[in-house]
């Protein structure tokens, strides 16, 4: 449970760590690494989309095959 300090309206946890977390890269290595991780994430999203497409294609083919077998 968070407690408030009198008069300030700030949580006690904010006064223990007054600075905010800086997520900006500090070195060139961190910039390159962040770019590589972001590119990897984009690649994984693309692969996921393609895999989903293949799964729907296979499922659709199975449904059509069953429908044709039952109708014929």
C-alpha atoms as a PDB file:
ATOM      1  CA  UNK A   1       0.000   0.000   0.000  1.00  0.00           C
ATOM      2  CA  UNK A   2       1.339   3.416  -0.924  1.00  0.00           C
ATOM      3  CA  UNK A   3       1.377   6.128   1.711  1.00  0.00           C
ATOM      4  CA  UNK A   4       1.237   9.852   1.021  1.00  0.00           C
ATOM      5  CA  UNK A   5       3.518  12.376   2.656  1.00  0.00           C
ATOM      6  CA  UNK A   6       1.878  15.254   4.405  1.00  0.00           C
ATOM      7  CA  UNK A   7       1.543  18.437   2.356  1.00  0.00           C
ATOM      8  CA  UNK A   8       3.333  17.227  -0.776  1.00  0.00           C
ATOM      9  CA  UNK A   9       0.813  14.807  -2.272  1.00  0.00           C
ATOM     10  CA  UNK A  10       3.622  12.606  -3.543  1.00  0.00           C
ATOM     11  CA  UNK A  11       3.904   8.942  -2.788  1.00  0.00           C
ATOM     12  CA  UNK A  12       6.675   7.877  -0.450  1.00  0.00           C
ATOM     13  CA  UNK A  13       8.212   5.748  -3.178  1.00  0.00           C
ATOM     14  CA  UNK A  14       8.660   8.817  -5.377  1.00  0.00           C
ATOM     15  CA  UNK A  15      10.738  10.576  -2.728  1.00  0.00           C
ATOM     16  CA  UNK A  16      13.044   7.597  -2.254  1.00  0.00           C
ATOM     17  CA  UNK A  17      13.882   7.541  -5.983  1.00  0.00           C
ATOM     18  CA  UNK A  18      13.364  11.091  -7.198  1.00  0.00           C
ATOM     19  CA  UNK A  19      14.919  10.592 -10.650  1.00  0.00           C
ATOM     20  CA  UNK A  20      13.069   8.996 -13.506  1.00  0.00           C
ATOM     21  CA  UNK A  21      14.386   5.940 -15.306  1.00  0.00           C
ATOM     22  CA  UNK A  22      16.267   7.075 -18.410  1.00  0.00           C
ATOM     23  CA  UNK A  23      15.652   4.648 -21.276  1.00  0.00           C
ATOM     24  CA  UNK A  24      17.597   6.608 -23.869  1.00  0.00           C
ATOM     25  CA  UNK A  25      20.759   4.859 -25.076  1.00  0.00           C
ATOM     26  CA  UNK A  26      23.926   6.349 -23.642  1.00  0.00           C
ATOM     27  CA  UNK A  27      26.460   4.790 -26.024  1.00  0.00           C
ATOM     28  CA  UNK A  28      26.688   3.899 -29.700  1.00  0.00           C
ATOM     29  CA  UNK A  29      26.670   0.221 -28.751  1.00  0.00           C
ATOM     30  CA  UNK A  30      23.319   0.634 -27.001  1.00  0.00           C
ATOM     31  CA  UNK A  31      21.886   2.418 -30.059  1.00  0.00           C
ATOM     32  CA  UNK A  32      23.007  -0.370 -32.395  1.00  0.00           C
ATOM     33  CA  UNK A  33      21.763  -3.048 -30.013  1.00  0.00           C
ATOM     34  CA  UNK A  34      18.365  -1.362 -29.674  1.00  0.00           C
ATOM     35  CA  UNK A  35      18.056  -1.109 -33.468  1.00  0.00           C
ATOM     36  CA  UNK A  36      18.907  -4.795 -33.821  1.00  0.00           C
ATOM     37  CA  UNK A  37      16.340  -5.794 -31.191  1.00  0.00           C
ATOM     38  CA  UNK A  38      13.646  -3.653 -32.833  1.00  0.00           C
ATOM     39  CA  UNK A  39      14.451  -5.198 -36.239  1.00  0.00           C
ATOM     40  CA  UNK A  40      14.260  -8.663 -34.707  1.00  0.00           C
ATOM     41  CA  UNK A  41      10.848  -7.829 -33.247  1.00  0.00           C
ATOM     42  CA  UNK A  42       9.620  -6.665 -36.666  1.00  0.00           C
ATOM     43  CA  UNK A  43      10.911  -9.886 -38.241  1.00  0.00           C
ATOM     44  CA  UNK A  44       9.149 -11.983 -35.621  1.00  0.00           C
ATOM     45  CA  UNK A  45       5.861 -10.142 -36.245  1.00  0.00           C
ATOM     46  CA  UNK A  46       6.222 -10.841 -39.971  1.00  0.00           C
ATOM     47  CA  UNK A  47       6.916 -14.536 -39.350  1.00  0.00           C
ATOM     48  CA  UNK A  48       3.928 -14.742 -37.008  1.00  0.00           C
ATOM     49  CA  UNK A  49       1.684 -13.229 -39.674  1.00  0.00           C
ATOM     50  CA  UNK A  50       2.914 -15.671 -42.295  1.00  0.00           C
ATOM     51  CA  UNK A  51       2.484 -18.621 -39.960  1.00  0.00           C
ATOM     52  CA  UNK A  52      -1.072 -17.549 -39.142  1.00  0.00           C
ATOM     53  CA  UNK A  53      -1.801 -17.305 -42.853  1.00  0.00           C
ATOM     54  CA  UNK A  54      -0.461 -20.816 -43.447  1.00  0.00           C
ATOM     55  CA  UNK A  55      -2.504 -22.236 -40.596  1.00  0.00           C
ATOM     56  CA  UNK A  56      -5.710 -20.670 -41.932  1.00  0.00           C
ATOM     57  CA  UNK A  57      -4.867 -21.980 -45.415  1.00  0.00           C
ATOM     58  CA  UNK A  58      -4.441 -25.537 -44.120  1.00  0.00           C
ATOM     59  CA  UNK A  59      -7.578 -25.322 -41.988  1.00  0.00           C
ATOM     60  CA  UNK A  60      -9.557 -24.001 -44.962  1.00  0.00           C
ATOM     61  CA  UNK A  61      -8.250 -26.784 -47.194  1.00  0.00           C
ATOM     62  CA  UNK A  62      -9.277 -29.408 -44.628  1.00  0.00           C
ATOM     63  CA  UNK A  63     -12.775 -27.926 -44.322  1.00  0.00           C
ATOM     64  CA  UNK A  64     -13.199 -27.789 -48.109  1.00  0.00           C
ATOM     65  CA  UNK A  65     -11.927 -31.364 -48.461  1.00  0.00           C
ATOM     66  CA  UNK A  66     -14.402 -32.586 -45.834  1.00  0.00           C
ATOM     67  CA  UNK A  67     -17.247 -30.670 -47.482  1.00  0.00           C
ATOM     68  CA  UNK A  68     -16.425 -32.146 -50.888  1.00  0.00           C
ATOM     69  CA  UNK A  69     -16.193 -35.673 -49.474  1.00  0.00           C
ATOM     70  CA  UNK A  70     -19.571 -35.306 -47.760  1.00  0.00           C
ATOM     71  CA  UNK A  71     -21.217 -33.791 -50.832  1.00  0.00           C
ATOM     72  CA  UNK A  72     -19.770 -36.315 -53.287  1.00  0.00           C
END
